[in-house]
Amino acid sequence: MKILVSVLTFNRLDLLKRCIKNLNELTYKNFDLLIVDNGSTDGTQNYLIDNNYIYILNESSGSALGWYKCINYALENDYDFIWMMDDDGYPKNNALEILINNL
């Protein structure tokens, strides 16, 4: 099963870092992480590059276009499931495992 976890962000680097930290601590590890950056100007893009995260730069066109790009990326790369969240989410370490077990 191919799973994409996608996080939408805009100028909230500290929240994004917390979200990514929690995602890295998930008990279920078989997923890819995609960050959709809506044109942040707070150093987010440099952080993503420096840490080799897969990301899409969305030219600050709002969340709807950001989610569209996430879904499109998942479809183009043959993912079976997408778990989408905003940067202010910080899932518990078993959250994805619970979702997978209830498919």
Protein backbone atom coordinates (compact mmCIF):
# COMPACT_ATOMS: atom_id res chain seq x y z
CA MET A 1 0.00 0.00 0.00
CA LYS A 2 1.44 3.37 -1.04
CA ILE A 3 0.55 6.24 1.30
CA LEU A 4 1.18 9.97 0.89
CA VAL A 5 1.07 12.23 3.93
CA SER A 6 0.70 15.82 2.81
CA VAL A 7 1.01 18.98 4.87
CA LEU A 8 -0.15 22.39 3.64
CA THR A 9 1.76 25.36 5.05
CA PHE A 10 2.02 29.12 4.76
CA ASN A 11 4.35 31.29 6.87
CA ARG A 12 4.16 29.09 9.95
CA LEU A 13 7.58 27.47 9.99
CA ASP A 14 7.56 26.73 13.73
CA LEU A 15 4.22 24.94 13.45
CA LEU A 16 5.42 23.06 10.36
CA LYS A 17 8.53 21.87 12.21
CA ARG A 18 6.37 20.59 15.08
CA CYS A 19 4.05 18.83 12.65
CA ILE A 20 6.96 17.18 10.80
CA LYS A 21 8.55 16.15 14.12
CA ASN A 22 5.33 14.37 15.09
CA LEU A 23 5.05 12.74 11.67
CA ASN A 24 8.61 11.44 11.99
CA GLU A 25 7.61 9.81 15.29
CA LEU A 26 4.66 7.88 13.84
CA THR A 27 4.63 4.16 14.64
CA TYR A 28 3.50 3.41 11.07
CA LYS A 29 6.54 4.29 8.92
CA ASN A 30 5.58 3.20 5.40
CA PHE A 31 4.60 6.56 3.91
CA ASP A 32 6.01 9.44 1.89
CA LEU A 33 5.82 13.01 3.12
CA LEU A 34 4.92 15.91 0.82
CA ILE A 35 4.89 19.53 1.93
CA VAL A 36 2.82 22.00 -0.09
CA ASP A 37 4.12 25.50 0.63
CA ASN A 38 1.72 28.29 -0.32
CA GLY A 39 4.50 30.79 -1.01
CA SER A 40 5.89 31.28 2.50
CA THR A 41 8.31 34.14 3.09
CA ASP A 42 9.50 33.04 6.55
CA GLY A 43 12.32 30.67 5.55
CA THR A 44 10.10 27.64 5.01
CA GLN A 45 11.46 26.89 1.54
CA ASN A 46 15.07 26.99 2.76
CA TYR A 47 14.17 24.68 5.65
CA LEU A 48 12.54 22.21 3.26
CA ILE A 49 15.53 22.28 0.91
CA ASP A 50 18.08 21.98 3.73
CA ASN A 51 16.27 18.91 5.10
CA ASN A 52 15.64 17.26 1.70
CA TYR A 53 11.86 17.21 2.05
CA ILE A 54 9.73 16.67 -1.02
CA TYR A 55 7.76 19.86 -1.51
CA ILE A 56 5.67 21.78 -3.99
CA LEU A 57 5.84 25.55 -4.07
CA ASN A 58 2.37 26.97 -4.60
CA GLU A 59 2.38 30.67 -5.47
CA SER A 60 0.17 31.78 -2.55
CA SER A 61 -3.06 30.93 -4.32
CA GLY A 62 -4.86 29.72 -1.24
CA SER A 63 -5.51 26.38 0.35
CA ALA A 64 -7.84 25.02 -2.34
CA LEU A 65 -5.12 25.14 -5.00
CA GLY A 66 -2.64 23.71 -2.49
CA TRP A 67 -4.89 20.72 -1.83
CA TYR A 68 -5.47 20.32 -5.56
CA LYS A 69 -1.70 20.13 -6.11
CA CYS A 70 -1.38 17.55 -3.34
CA ILE A 71 -4.11 15.37 -4.81
CA ASN A 72 -2.71 15.76 -8.29
CA TYR A 73 0.77 14.74 -7.06
CA ALA A 74 -0.70 11.65 -5.41
CA LEU A 75 -2.58 10.65 -8.55
CA GLU A 76 0.44 11.20 -10.81
CA ASN A 77 2.61 9.07 -8.50
CA ASP A 78 0.15 6.20 -8.00
CA TYR A 79 -0.51 6.58 -4.30
CA ASP A 80 -3.30 4.46 -2.86
CA PHE A 81 -4.20 6.83 -0.03
CA ILE A 82 -3.60 10.46 0.96
CA TRP A 83 -3.60 11.79 4.51
CA MET A 84 -3.85 15.58 4.29
CA MET A 85 -3.35 18.06 7.11
CA ASP A 86 -2.49 21.66 7.82
CA ASP A 87 0.80 22.65 9.41
CA ASP A 88 -0.84 23.26 12.78
CA GLY A 89 -1.75 19.60 13.15
CA TYR A 90 0.42 17.39 15.30
CA PRO A 91 -0.80 13.81 15.17
CA LYS A 92 -0.22 11.33 17.96
CA ASN A 93 2.35 8.68 17.17
CA ASN A 94 -0.24 5.98 16.46
CA ALA A 95 -2.66 8.10 14.38
CA LEU A 96 -1.68 6.74 10.95
CA GLU A 97 -1.58 3.20 12.29
CA ILE A 98 -5.16 3.60 13.52
CA LEU A 99 -6.26 4.98 10.15
CA ILE A 100 -4.59 2.13 8.25
CA ASN A 101 -6.08 -0.51 10.55
CA ASN A 102 -9.56 0.91 9.90
CA LEU A 103 -9.46 1.05 6.12
